[in-house]
Amino acid sequence: MTFYNDIYPFYPLNRTPFIFNINELIVILVFLVFACSFLIILPGIRGRPRLFWMFRVTFSLFIGVVIVAVNFTSDWAAASIQTNTTYKSFSNATVDAEVGLHVGLAGINVTLKGNPVKQLNETINYNEMFSWTDDYDRVYLAALERGLPNPILYIAEKFTQDSPCGFFFQYKYSGRYASATMWTAFCCWLISNILFSIPVIKYAGYMMITTGVFIFFALASFSTIHKVPFCTITIGTASLETVYSGSFWLSLATGLLCCLIGFTVILLDYLVPEKIKIFFTSSEGDEEEDACPVEGYFNTSFLEQEIGFPLGDVQFSQNQEKSDGIIKKYWT
């Protein structure tokens, strides 16, 4: 083996670790385009409505991007341990590394990072994705053929369909129901934005509360996997125990925000309906424009021919001026 500088010839070199989910990146870019488009047209809104629109669009886009993006993240639940473990099959060589398990609605990510990264004349830095939508067992067999490190294969094996632990069915179906419920929450979010634009303020508040409720349903669906006793995943001398991670808590905060906005809108619609309508229609500036005087000119000779009697007999309720057959009328 010294001919290969201590690199086993039947193992390919480790791949560059996966940094960012491409689907998640696409979602964020789409919402950033919407945000930038709004910032471009924001200077065209005059007066206080500009501030109202900024808050409305900012909160709305934040809720929308969270609802969509968490469907593609891999950090609904996570676990990480620092241990000393064997690195490759058919070898007693051990490495000091951090092993991580990251669970999402669409699959799991297993990470392995050496401490230090350079050990055994290799760069130990892996991030492997195992998706529920693919044939999981086939993906696992492909990982065996590629010769991935032992800790990654050991964790991935626990999630196969034939594993007595039953991780595959628990995580797959709870994640599937949670994802479906989050997409339902996204539809409710779209409807609420349409109702805010019409505007039907009270019913828009109801739909915003419904959005938060469906987010809570998704969290409850994912939480069911923690009510079932799990097999212990032990690597070296430490065990992996998953806890709720970033996407879970971000979804919880977004659901609370939706309910808070919904209840606030309904309460204000009940207490001060006129002011809340101005907030969502930005009609305050329009009313000021309508109050400006507008001049109108009428040809009295033509009108007398049409109506058949002299205009001198007609009493006008508005301020008027009559000169040389022309009535100058001011509307207030």
C-alpha atoms as a PDB file:
ATOM      1  CA  MET A   1       0.000   0.000   0.000  1.00  0.00           C
ATOM      2  CA  THR A   2       2.940   2.347   0.316  1.00  0.00           C
ATOM      3  CA  PHE A   3       2.931   2.588  -3.476  1.00  0.00           C
ATOM      4  CA  TYR A   4      -0.276   4.641  -3.151  1.00  0.00           C
ATOM      5  CA  ASN A   5       1.020   6.810  -0.293  1.00  0.00           C
ATOM      6  CA  ASP A   6      -1.259   5.143   2.262  1.00  0.00           C
ATOM      7  CA  ILE A   7      -4.409   5.790   0.157  1.00  0.00           C
ATOM      8  CA  TYR A   8      -6.393   2.634  -0.439  1.00  0.00           C
ATOM      9  CA  PRO A   9      -6.797   2.148  -4.201  1.00  0.00           C
ATOM     10  CA  PHE A  10     -10.313   0.698  -3.975  1.00  0.00           C
ATOM     11  CA  TYR A  11     -11.658   3.896  -2.356  1.00  0.00           C
ATOM     12  CA  PRO A  12     -12.203   7.031  -4.438  1.00  0.00           C
ATOM     13  CA  LEU A  13     -11.029  10.337  -3.022  1.00  0.00           C
ATOM     14  CA  ASN A  14     -13.572  12.021  -0.767  1.00  0.00           C
ATOM     15  CA  ARG A  15     -15.861  14.532  -2.426  1.00  0.00           C
ATOM     16  CA  THR A  16     -16.092  18.223  -1.719  1.00  0.00           C
ATOM     17  CA  PRO A  17     -18.638  18.650   1.086  1.00  0.00           C
ATOM     18  CA  PHE A  18     -22.069  19.900   0.139  1.00  0.00           C
ATOM     19  CA  ILE A  19     -22.316  23.495   1.347  1.00  0.00           C
ATOM     20  CA  PHE A  20     -25.830  24.664   0.458  1.00  0.00           C
ATOM     21  CA  ASN A  21     -29.060  23.054  -0.749  1.00  0.00           C
ATOM     22  CA  ILE A  22     -29.678  24.263  -4.304  1.00  0.00           C
ATOM     23  CA  ASN A  23     -33.487  24.190  -3.880  1.00  0.00           C
ATOM     24  CA  GLU A  24     -33.222  26.325  -0.769  1.00  0.00           C
ATOM     25  CA  LEU A  25     -30.968  28.744  -2.632  1.00  0.00           C
ATOM     26  CA  ILE A  26     -33.493  29.052  -5.491  1.00  0.00           C
ATOM     27  CA  VAL A  27     -36.309  29.837  -3.051  1.00  0.00           C
ATOM     28  CA  ILE A  28     -34.277  32.535  -1.308  1.00  0.00           C
ATOM     29  CA  LEU A  29     -33.248  34.106  -4.627  1.00  0.00           C
ATOM     30  CA  VAL A  30     -36.856  34.221  -5.864  1.00  0.00           C
ATOM     31  CA  PHE A  31     -38.033  36.038  -2.743  1.00  0.00           C
ATOM     32  CA  LEU A  32     -35.032  38.367  -2.914  1.00  0.00           C
ATOM     33  CA  VAL A  33     -36.083  39.327  -6.444  1.00  0.00           C
ATOM     34  CA  PHE A  34     -39.559  40.204  -5.119  1.00  0.00           C
ATOM     35  CA  ALA A  35     -38.017  42.221  -2.285  1.00  0.00           C
ATOM     36  CA  CYS A  36     -35.705  44.134  -4.655  1.00  0.00           C
ATOM     37  CA  SER A  37     -38.606  44.855  -7.023  1.00  0.00           C
ATOM     38  CA  PHE A  38     -40.566  46.342  -4.143  1.00  0.00           C
ATOM     39  CA  LEU A  39     -37.604  48.467  -3.043  1.00  0.00           C
ATOM     40  CA  ILE A  40     -37.425  49.882  -6.566  1.00  0.00           C
ATOM     41  CA  ILE A  41     -41.066  51.033  -6.560  1.00  0.00           C
ATOM     42  CA  LEU A  42     -41.085  52.099  -2.889  1.00  0.00           C
ATOM     43  CA  PRO A  43     -39.837  55.690  -3.584  1.00  0.00           C
ATOM     44  CA  GLY A  44     -42.884  56.217  -5.804  1.00  0.00           C
ATOM     45  CA  ILE A  45     -45.230  55.877  -2.809  1.00  0.00           C
ATOM     46  CA  ARG A  46     -45.763  59.267  -1.187  1.00  0.00           C
ATOM     47  CA  GLY A  47     -46.161  60.153   2.474  1.00  0.00           C
ATOM     48  CA  ARG A  48     -46.828  57.842   5.382  1.00  0.00           C
ATOM     49  CA  PRO A  49     -48.209  55.008   3.195  1.00  0.00           C
ATOM     50  CA  ARG A  50     -44.598  54.364   2.151  1.00  0.00           C
ATOM     51  CA  LEU A  51     -43.783  53.234   5.721  1.00  0.00           C
ATOM     52  CA  PHE A  52     -46.949  51.146   5.909  1.00  0.00           C
ATOM     53  CA  TRP A  53     -46.154  49.356   2.655  1.00  0.00           C
ATOM     54  CA  MET A  54     -42.577  48.676   3.750  1.00  0.00           C
ATOM     55  CA  PHE A  55     -43.703  46.910   6.929  1.00  0.00           C
ATOM     56  CA  ARG A  56     -46.431  44.984   5.138  1.00  0.00           C
ATOM     57  CA  VAL A  57     -44.250  43.658   2.333  1.00  0.00           C
ATOM     58  CA  THR A  58     -41.267  42.911   4.613  1.00  0.00           C
ATOM     59  CA  PHE A  59     -43.280  40.790   7.047  1.00  0.00           C
ATOM     60  CA  SER A  60     -45.235  39.102   4.266  1.00  0.00           C
ATOM     61  CA  LEU A  61     -42.125  38.107   2.301  1.00  0.00           C
ATOM     62  CA  PHE A  62     -40.416  36.878   5.469  1.00  0.00           C
ATOM     63  CA  ILE A  63     -43.340  34.586   6.270  1.00  0.00           C
ATOM     64  CA  GLY A  64     -43.524  33.302   2.697  1.00  0.00           C
ATOM     65  CA  VAL A  65     -39.822  32.534   2.344  1.00  0.00           C
ATOM     66  CA  VAL A  66     -39.735  30.693   5.684  1.00  0.00           C
ATOM     67  CA  ILE A  67     -42.751  28.535   4.817  1.00  0.00           C
ATOM     68  CA  VAL A  68     -41.252  27.475   1.483  1.00  0.00           C
ATOM     69  CA  ALA A  69     -37.568  27.244   2.445  1.00  0.00           C
ATOM     70  CA  VAL A  70     -37.995  24.965   5.471  1.00  0.00           C
ATOM     71  CA  ASN A  71     -39.340  22.260   3.161  1.00  0.00           C
ATOM     72  CA  PHE A  72     -35.822  21.915   1.717  1.00  0.00           C
ATOM     73  CA  THR A  73     -33.648  22.435   4.797  1.00  0.00           C
ATOM     74  CA  SER A  74     -31.915  19.632   6.666  1.00  0.00           C
ATOM     75  CA  ASP A  75     -31.922  21.003  10.188  1.00  0.00           C
ATOM     76  CA  TRP A  76     -35.350  20.279  11.653  1.00  0.00           C
ATOM     77  CA  ALA A  77     -33.552  18.007  14.097  1.00  0.00           C
ATOM     78  CA  ALA A  78     -29.831  17.529  14.621  1.00  0.00           C
ATOM     79  CA  ALA A  79     -27.290  15.676  16.694  1.00  0.00           C
ATOM     80  CA  SER A  80     -23.515  15.959  16.902  1.00  0.00           C
ATOM     81  CA  ILE A  81     -20.777  14.174  18.832  1.00  0.00           C
ATOM     82  CA  GLN A  82     -17.004  14.372  19.031  1.00  0.00           C
ATOM     83  CA  THR A  83     -15.496  10.896  19.122  1.00  0.00           C
ATOM     84  CA  ASN A  84     -12.592   8.673  18.169  1.00  0.00           C
ATOM     85  CA  THR A  85     -13.736   6.127  15.600  1.00  0.00           C
ATOM     86  CA  THR A  86     -12.529   3.834  12.845  1.00  0.00           C
ATOM     87  CA  TYR A  87     -12.332   5.540   9.489  1.00  0.00           C
ATOM     88  CA  LYS A  88     -12.450   2.855   6.761  1.00  0.00           C
ATOM     89  CA  SER A  89     -13.448  -0.757   6.481  1.00  0.00           C
ATOM     90  CA  PHE A  90     -10.722  -3.417   6.623  1.00  0.00           C
ATOM     91  CA  SER A  91      -8.519  -1.043   8.622  1.00  0.00           C
ATOM     92  CA  ASN A  92      -7.901  -0.476  12.314  1.00  0.00           C
ATOM     93  CA  ALA A  93      -6.844   3.156  11.785  1.00  0.00           C
ATOM     94  CA  THR A  94      -8.894   5.577  13.866  1.00  0.00           C
ATOM     95  CA  VAL A  95      -9.559   9.290  13.531  1.00  0.00           C
ATOM     96  CA  ASP A  96     -10.675  12.008  15.896  1.00  0.00           C
ATOM     97  CA  ALA A  97     -13.729  13.537  14.209  1.00  0.00           C
ATOM     98  CA  GLU A  98     -17.057  15.256  14.706  1.00  0.00           C
ATOM     99  CA  VAL A  99     -19.984  13.139  13.518  1.00  0.00           C
ATOM    100  CA  GLY A 100     -23.290  14.892  12.805  1.00  0.00           C
ATOM    101  CA  LEU A 101     -26.813  13.831  11.871  1.00  0.00           C
ATOM    102  CA  HIS A 102     -29.134  16.457  10.373  1.00  0.00           C
ATOM    103  CA  VAL A 103     -32.773  15.531   9.734  1.00  0.00           C
ATOM    104  CA  GLY A 104     -35.030  17.377   7.299  1.00  0.00           C
ATOM    105  CA  LEU A 105     -38.467  16.821   5.812  1.00  0.00           C
ATOM    106  CA  ALA A 106     -36.979  15.380   2.611  1.00  0.00           C
ATOM    107  CA  GLY A 107     -34.148  13.251   4.035  1.00  0.00           C
ATOM    108  CA  ILE A 108     -31.073  13.212   6.250  1.00  0.00           C
ATOM    109  CA  ASN A 109     -27.571  14.636   6.020  1.00  0.00           C
ATOM    110  CA  VAL A 110     -24.696  12.792   7.677  1.00  0.00           C
ATOM    111  CA  THR A 111     -21.527  14.797   8.251  1.00  0.00           C
ATOM    112  CA  LEU A 112     -18.030  13.753   9.234  1.00  0.00           C
ATOM    113  CA  LYS A 113     -15.338  16.346   9.892  1.00  0.00           C
ATOM    114  CA  GLY A 114     -11.921  15.509  11.227  1.00  0.00           C
ATOM    115  CA  ASN A 115     -10.290  17.352  14.092  1.00  0.00           C
ATOM    116  CA  PRO A 116      -7.942  18.363  12.538  1.00  0.00           C
ATOM    117  CA  VAL A 117      -9.316  18.007   9.019  1.00  0.00           C
ATOM    118  CA  LYS A 118      -6.039  16.526   7.694  1.00  0.00           C
ATOM    119  CA  GLN A 119      -5.604  13.009   9.109  1.00  0.00           C
ATOM    120  CA  LEU A 120      -4.276   9.738   7.676  1.00  0.00           C
ATOM    121  CA  ASN A 121      -2.978  11.706   4.708  1.00  0.00           C
ATOM    122  CA  GLU A 122      -6.573  12.607   3.735  1.00  0.00           C
ATOM    123  CA  THR A 123      -8.965  15.521   4.043  1.00  0.00           C
ATOM    124  CA  ILE A 124     -11.762  14.266   6.282  1.00  0.00           C
ATOM    125  CA  ASN A 125     -14.721  16.516   5.524  1.00  0.00           C
ATOM    126  CA  TYR A 126     -17.902  14.781   4.335  1.00  0.00           C
ATOM    127  CA  ASN A 127     -21.525  15.810   3.994  1.00  0.00           C
ATOM    128  CA  GLU A 128     -23.682  13.075   2.485  1.00  0.00           C
ATOM    129  CA  MET A 129     -27.381  13.441   1.632  1.00  0.00           C
ATOM    130  CA  PHE A 130     -29.816  10.514   1.800  1.00  0.00           C
ATOM    131  CA  SER A 131     -33.240  11.504   0.468  1.00  0.00           C
ATOM    132  CA  TRP A 132     -36.609   9.875   1.157  1.00  0.00           C
ATOM    133  CA  THR A 133     -37.823  10.683  -2.349  1.00  0.00           C
ATOM    134  CA  ASP A 134     -35.130   8.483  -3.905  1.00  0.00           C
ATOM    135  CA  ASP A 135     -34.849   4.743  -3.461  1.00  0.00           C
ATOM    136  CA  TYR A 136     -33.123   4.933  -0.085  1.00  0.00           C
ATOM    137  CA  ASP A 137     -31.784   1.388  -0.091  1.00  0.00           C
ATOM    138  CA  ARG A 138     -30.335   1.876  -3.571  1.00  0.00           C
ATOM    139  CA  VAL A 139     -28.651   5.103  -2.467  1.00  0.00           C
ATOM    140  CA  TYR A 140     -27.243   3.286   0.562  1.00  0.00           C
ATOM    141  CA  LEU A 141     -25.833   0.497  -1.622  1.00  0.00           C
ATOM    142  CA  ALA A 142     -24.235   3.119  -3.858  1.00  0.00           C
ATOM    143  CA  ALA A 143     -22.611   4.628  -0.758  1.00  0.00           C
ATOM    144  CA  LEU A 144     -21.207   1.190   0.131  1.00  0.00           C
ATOM    145  CA  GLU A 145     -19.755   0.831  -3.355  1.00  0.00           C
ATOM    146  CA  ARG A 146     -18.134   4.269  -3.124  1.00  0.00           C
ATOM    147  CA  GLY A 147     -16.471   3.262   0.121  1.00  0.00           C
ATOM    148  CA  LEU A 148     -17.694   6.069   2.346  1.00  0.00           C
ATOM    149  CA  PRO A 149     -16.249   6.213   5.889  1.00  0.00           C
ATOM    150  CA  ASN A 150     -17.589   3.798   8.476  1.00  0.00           C
ATOM    151  CA  PRO A 151     -19.441   6.360  10.669  1.00  0.00           C
ATOM    152  CA  ILE A 152     -21.494   7.599   7.692  1.00  0.00           C
ATOM    153  CA  LEU A 153     -22.383   4.098   6.559  1.00  0.00           C
ATOM    154  CA  TYR A 154     -23.269   3.046  10.101  1.00  0.00           C
ATOM    155  CA  ILE A 155     -25.723   5.918  10.563  1.00  0.00           C
ATOM    156  CA  ALA A 156     -27.177   5.510   7.054  1.00  0.00           C
ATOM    157  CA  GLU A 157     -27.748   1.811   7.705  1.00  0.00           C
ATOM    158  CA  LYS A 158     -29.976   2.657  10.685  1.00  0.00           C
ATOM    159  CA  PHE A 159     -32.372   4.402   8.291  1.00  0.00           C
ATOM    160  CA  THR A 160     -32.720   1.588   5.753  1.00  0.00           C
ATOM    161  CA  GLN A 161     -36.095  -0.120   5.357  1.00  0.00           C
ATOM    162  CA  ASP A 162     -34.787  -3.456   6.658  1.00  0.00           C
ATOM    163  CA  SER A 163     -33.316  -1.927   9.807  1.00  0.00           C
ATOM    164  CA  PRO A 164     -35.064  -3.124  12.987  1.00  0.00           C
ATOM    165  CA  CYS A 165     -34.921   0.433  14.353  1.00  0.00           C
ATOM    166  CA  GLY A 166     -37.702   1.604  12.033  1.00  0.00           C
ATOM    167  CA  PHE A 167     -36.177   5.049  11.558  1.00  0.00           C
ATOM    168  CA  PHE A 168     -37.025   5.079   7.864  1.00  0.00           C
ATOM    169  CA  PHE A 169     -40.800   4.880   8.222  1.00  0.00           C
ATOM    170  CA  GLN A 170     -40.958   7.152  11.275  1.00  0.00           C
ATOM    171  CA  TYR A 171     -38.960   9.990   9.751  1.00  0.00           C
ATOM    172  CA  LYS A 172     -40.183   9.579   6.191  1.00  0.00           C
ATOM    173  CA  TYR A 173     -43.919   9.708   6.890  1.00  0.00           C
ATOM    174  CA  SER A 174     -43.781  12.322   9.619  1.00  0.00           C
ATOM    175  CA  GLY A 175     -41.681  14.478   7.281  1.00  0.00           C
ATOM    176  CA  ARG A 176     -44.070  13.882   4.376  1.00  0.00           C
ATOM    177  CA  TYR A 177     -47.136  14.950   6.367  1.00  0.00           C
ATOM    178  CA  ALA A 178     -45.266  17.944   7.799  1.00  0.00           C
ATOM    179  CA  SER A 179     -44.210  19.044   4.303  1.00  0.00           C
ATOM    180  CA  ALA A 180     -47.762  18.706   2.940  1.00  0.00           C
ATOM    181  CA  THR A 181     -49.092  20.788   5.833  1.00  0.00           C
ATOM    182  CA  MET A 182     -46.448  23.481   5.268  1.00  0.00           C
ATOM    183  CA  TRP A 183     -47.467  23.751   1.613  1.00  0.00           C
ATOM    184  CA  THR A 184     -51.081  24.123   2.759  1.00  0.00           C
ATOM    185  CA  ALA A 185     -49.911  26.955   5.028  1.00  0.00           C
ATOM    186  CA  PHE A 186     -48.234  28.545   1.988  1.00  0.00           C
ATOM    187  CA  CYS A 187     -51.547  28.468   0.080  1.00  0.00           C
ATOM    188  CA  CYS A 188     -53.284  30.120   3.054  1.00  0.00           C
ATOM    189  CA  TRP A 189     -50.546  32.770   3.071  1.00  0.00           C
ATOM    190  CA  LEU A 190     -51.203  33.520  -0.611  1.00  0.00           C
ATOM    191  CA  ILE A 191     -54.962  33.832   0.004  1.00  0.00           C
ATOM    192  CA  SER A 192     -54.385  36.156   2.956  1.00  0.00           C
ATOM    193  CA  ASN A 193     -52.242  38.457   0.795  1.00  0.00           C
ATOM    194  CA  ILE A 194     -54.962  38.557  -1.863  1.00  0.00           C
ATOM    195  CA  LEU A 195     -57.586  39.426   0.755  1.00  0.00           C
ATOM    196  CA  PHE A 196     -55.347  42.150   2.193  1.00  0.00           C
ATOM    197  CA  SER A 197     -55.062  43.669  -1.287  1.00  0.00           C
ATOM    198  CA  ILE A 198     -58.810  43.704  -2.069  1.00  0.00           C
ATOM    199  CA  PRO A 199     -59.068  44.675   0.883  1.00  0.00           C
ATOM    200  CA  VAL A 200     -61.192  42.350   3.018  1.00  0.00           C
ATOM    201  CA  ILE A 201     -59.358  43.021   6.252  1.00  0.00           C
ATOM    202  CA  LYS A 202     -61.231  40.789   8.687  1.00  0.00           C
ATOM    203  CA  TYR A 203     -61.150  37.672   6.513  1.00  0.00           C
ATOM    204  CA  ALA A 204     -57.514  38.307   5.652  1.00  0.00           C
ATOM    205  CA  GLY A 205     -56.811  38.196   9.391  1.00  0.00           C
ATOM    206  CA  TYR A 206     -58.663  34.894   9.628  1.00  0.00           C
ATOM    207  CA  MET A 207     -56.559  33.434   6.823  1.00  0.00           C
ATOM    208  CA  MET A 208     -53.371  34.652   8.489  1.00  0.00           C
ATOM    209  CA  ILE A 209     -54.393  32.817  11.670  1.00  0.00           C
ATOM    210  CA  THR A 210     -55.152  29.733   9.546  1.00  0.00           C
ATOM    211  CA  THR A 211     -51.630  29.972   8.109  1.00  0.00           C
ATOM    212  CA  GLY A 212     -50.170  29.896  11.615  1.00  0.00           C
ATOM    213  CA  VAL A 213     -52.408  26.973  12.612  1.00  0.00           C
ATOM    214  CA  PHE A 214     -51.235  24.854   9.662  1.00  0.00           C
ATOM    215  CA  ILE A 215     -47.617  25.635  10.568  1.00  0.00           C
ATOM    216  CA  PHE A 216     -48.341  24.344  14.074  1.00  0.00           C
ATOM    217  CA  PHE A 217     -49.866  21.195  12.540  1.00  0.00           C
ATOM    218  CA  ALA A 218     -46.629  20.649  10.595  1.00  0.00           C
ATOM    219  CA  LEU A 219     -44.582  21.023  13.772  1.00  0.00           C
ATOM    220  CA  ALA A 220     -46.859  18.582  15.579  1.00  0.00           C
ATOM    221  CA  SER A 221     -46.516  16.080  12.725  1.00  0.00           C
ATOM    222  CA  PHE A 222     -42.736  16.232  12.841  1.00  0.00           C
ATOM    223  CA  SER A 223     -42.720  16.043  16.647  1.00  0.00           C
ATOM    224  CA  THR A 224     -44.461  12.671  16.632  1.00  0.00           C
ATOM    225  CA  ILE A 225     -41.156  10.949  15.824  1.00  0.00           C
ATOM    226  CA  HIS A 226     -39.803  12.019  19.225  1.00  0.00           C
ATOM    227  CA  LYS A 227     -42.625  10.183  21.003  1.00  0.00           C
ATOM    228  CA  VAL A 228     -41.438   6.805  19.711  1.00  0.00           C
ATOM    229  CA  PRO A 229     -38.546   4.963  21.410  1.00  0.00           C
ATOM    230  CA  PHE A 230     -35.478   4.977  19.178  1.00  0.00           C
ATOM    231  CA  CYS A 231     -32.527   2.689  18.747  1.00  0.00           C
ATOM    232  CA  THR A 232     -29.331   4.073  20.181  1.00  0.00           C
ATOM    233  CA  ILE A 233     -26.833   5.219  17.557  1.00  0.00           C
ATOM    234  CA  THR A 234     -23.476   4.741  19.234  1.00  0.00           C
ATOM    235  CA  ILE A 235     -20.208   5.702  17.553  1.00  0.00           C
ATOM    236  CA  GLY A 236     -17.077   5.065  19.543  1.00  0.00           C
ATOM    237  CA  THR A 237     -17.971   5.872  23.141  1.00  0.00           C
ATOM    238  CA  ALA A 238     -20.660   8.507  22.436  1.00  0.00           C
ATOM    239  CA  SER A 239     -24.298   8.285  21.345  1.00  0.00           C
ATOM    240  CA  LEU A 240     -26.235  10.470  18.945  1.00  0.00           C
ATOM    241  CA  GLU A 241     -29.414  12.036  20.382  1.00  0.00           C
ATOM    242  CA  THR A 242     -31.334  14.349  18.067  1.00  0.00           C
ATOM    243  CA  VAL A 243     -32.875  17.586  19.314  1.00  0.00           C
ATOM    244  CA  TYR A 244     -34.978  20.195  17.540  1.00  0.00           C
ATOM    245  CA  SER A 245     -32.839  22.466  15.394  1.00  0.00           C
ATOM    246  CA  GLY A 246     -32.973  25.775  13.522  1.00  0.00           C
ATOM    247  CA  SER A 247     -35.767  25.137  10.985  1.00  0.00           C
ATOM    248  CA  PHE A 248     -38.098  23.802  13.677  1.00  0.00           C
ATOM    249  CA  TRP A 249     -37.707  26.852  15.906  1.00  0.00           C
ATOM    250  CA  LEU A 250     -37.857  29.240  12.937  1.00  0.00           C
ATOM    251  CA  SER A 251     -41.133  27.652  11.825  1.00  0.00           C
ATOM    252  CA  LEU A 252     -42.495  27.920  15.353  1.00  0.00           C
ATOM    253  CA  ALA A 253     -41.595  31.625  15.502  1.00  0.00           C
ATOM    254  CA  THR A 254     -43.203  32.198  12.075  1.00  0.00           C
ATOM    255  CA  GLY A 255     -46.404  30.448  13.154  1.00  0.00           C
ATOM    256  CA  LEU A 256     -46.600  32.635  16.267  1.00  0.00           C
ATOM    257  CA  LEU A 257     -45.985  35.721  14.110  1.00  0.00           C
ATOM    258  CA  CYS A 258     -48.828  34.743  11.756  1.00  0.00           C
ATOM    259  CA  CYS A 259     -51.248  34.278  14.649  1.00  0.00           C
ATOM    260  CA  LEU A 260     -50.153  37.550  16.247  1.00  0.00           C
ATOM    261  CA  ILE A 261     -50.669  39.470  12.988  1.00  0.00           C
ATOM    262  CA  GLY A 262     -54.038  37.793  12.401  1.00  0.00           C
ATOM    263  CA  PHE A 263     -55.410  38.506  15.887  1.00  0.00           C
ATOM    264  CA  THR A 264     -54.114  42.099  15.767  1.00  0.00           C
ATOM    265  CA  VAL A 265     -55.740  42.774  12.385  1.00  0.00           C
ATOM    266  CA  ILE A 266     -59.096  41.322  13.514  1.00  0.00           C
ATOM    267  CA  LEU A 267     -59.020  43.324  16.757  1.00  0.00           C
ATOM    268  CA  LEU A 268     -58.160  46.589  15.001  1.00  0.00           C
ATOM    269  CA  ASP A 269     -60.814  45.942  12.358  1.00  0.00           C
ATOM    270  CA  TYR A 270     -63.341  45.680  15.178  1.00  0.00           C
ATOM    271  CA  LEU A 271     -62.104  48.725  17.141  1.00  0.00           C
ATOM    272  CA  VAL A 272     -60.930  51.187  14.451  1.00  0.00           C
ATOM    273  CA  PRO A 273     -62.161  49.894  11.070  1.00  0.00           C
ATOM    274  CA  GLU A 274     -61.583  53.178   9.217  1.00  0.00           C
ATOM    275  CA  LYS A 275     -57.965  53.555  10.295  1.00  0.00           C
ATOM    276  CA  ILE A 276     -57.084  49.923   9.580  1.00  0.00           C
ATOM    277  CA  LYS A 277     -58.635  50.324   6.115  1.00  0.00           C
ATOM    278  CA  ILE A 278     -56.424  53.357   5.475  1.00  0.00           C
ATOM    279  CA  PHE A 279     -53.401  51.296   6.576  1.00  0.00           C
ATOM    280  CA  PHE A 280     -54.072  48.538   4.053  1.00  0.00           C
ATOM    281  CA  THR A 281     -55.385  50.684   1.186  1.00  0.00           C
ATOM    282  CA  SER A 282     -53.079  53.715   1.552  1.00  0.00           C
ATOM    283  CA  SER A 283     -56.087  55.884   0.655  1.00  0.00           C
ATOM    284  CA  GLU A 284     -55.100  58.706   2.958  1.00  0.00           C
ATOM    285  CA  GLY A 285     -53.219  60.510   0.193  1.00  0.00           C
ATOM    286  CA  ASP A 286     -56.060  59.931  -2.267  1.00  0.00           C
ATOM    287  CA  GLU A 287     -58.556  61.572   0.069  1.00  0.00           C
ATOM    288  CA  GLU A 288     -56.330  64.630   0.334  1.00  0.00           C
ATOM    289  CA  GLU A 289     -56.164  64.868  -3.447  1.00  0.00           C
ATOM    290  CA  ASP A 290     -59.961  64.567  -3.703  1.00  0.00           C
ATOM    291  CA  ALA A 291     -60.334  67.537  -1.336  1.00  0.00           C
ATOM    292  CA  CYS A 292     -58.418  69.867  -3.686  1.00  0.00           C
ATOM    293  CA  PRO A 293     -60.588  72.347  -5.672  1.00  0.00           C
ATOM    294  CA  VAL A 294     -61.322  71.380  -9.246  1.00  0.00           C
ATOM    295  CA  GLU A 295     -62.446  73.888 -11.853  1.00  0.00           C
ATOM    296  CA  GLY A 296     -65.174  73.174 -14.381  1.00  0.00           C
ATOM    297  CA  TYR A 297     -66.300  75.330 -17.309  1.00  0.00           C
ATOM    298  CA  PHE A 298     -69.738  75.102 -18.881  1.00  0.00           C
ATOM    299  CA  ASN A 299     -71.040  76.721 -22.076  1.00  0.00           C
ATOM    300  CA  THR A 300     -74.383  78.124 -20.926  1.00  0.00           C
ATOM    301  CA  SER A 301     -75.660  78.827 -24.456  1.00  0.00           C
ATOM    302  CA  PHE A 302     -75.200  75.177 -25.426  1.00  0.00           C
ATOM    303  CA  LEU A 303     -76.769  73.901 -22.199  1.00  0.00           C
ATOM    304  CA  GLU A 304     -79.798  76.189 -22.595  1.00  0.00           C
ATOM    305  CA  GLN A 305     -80.410  74.786 -26.080  1.00  0.00           C
ATOM    306  CA  GLU A 306     -80.207  71.213 -24.798  1.00  0.00           C
ATOM    307  CA  ILE A 307     -82.366  71.506 -21.681  1.00  0.00           C
ATOM    308  CA  GLY A 308     -84.890  73.966 -23.148  1.00  0.00           C
ATOM    309  CA  PHE A 309     -84.911  76.575 -20.372  1.00  0.00           C
ATOM    310  CA  PRO A 310     -82.531  79.373 -19.320  1.00  0.00           C
ATOM    311  CA  LEU A 311     -79.871  78.521 -16.769  1.00  0.00           C
ATOM    312  CA  GLY A 312     -80.618  81.743 -14.978  1.00  0.00           C
ATOM    313  CA  ASP A 313     -83.570  79.963 -13.373  1.00  0.00           C
ATOM    314  CA  VAL A 314     -81.311  77.197 -11.959  1.00  0.00           C
ATOM    315  CA  GLN A 315     -79.930  77.536  -8.444  1.00  0.00           C
ATOM    316  CA  PHE A 316     -76.417  76.060  -7.910  1.00  0.00           C
ATOM    317  CA  SER A 317     -75.369  74.766  -4.522  1.00  0.00           C
ATOM    318  CA  GLN A 318     -71.655  75.177  -5.250  1.00  0.00           C
ATOM    319  CA  ASN A 319     -69.694  78.429  -5.518  1.00  0.00           C
ATOM    320  CA  GLN A 320     -70.006  79.760  -9.034  1.00  0.00           C
ATOM    321  CA  GLU A 321     -69.115  82.658 -11.255  1.00  0.00           C
ATOM    322  CA  LYS A 322     -70.922  83.688 -14.460  1.00  0.00           C
ATOM    323  CA  SER A 323     -69.260  85.838 -17.062  1.00  0.00           C
ATOM    324  CA  ASP A 324     -69.862  86.295 -20.840  1.00  0.00           C
ATOM    325  CA  GLY A 325     -72.076  83.212 -21.111  1.00  0.00           C
ATOM    326  CA  ILE A 326     -69.547  80.978 -19.290  1.00  0.00           C
ATOM    327  CA  ILE A 327     -70.140  79.553 -15.812  1.00  0.00           C
ATOM    328  CA  LYS A 328     -67.000  78.950 -13.837  1.00  0.00           C
ATOM    329  CA  LYS A 329     -67.667  76.365 -11.185  1.00  0.00           C
ATOM    330  CA  TYR A 330     -65.499  75.278  -8.290  1.00  0.00           C
ATOM    331  CA  TRP A 331     -65.972  71.843  -6.839  1.00  0.00           C
ATOM    332  CA  THR A 332     -64.902  71.320  -3.222  1.00  0.00           C
END
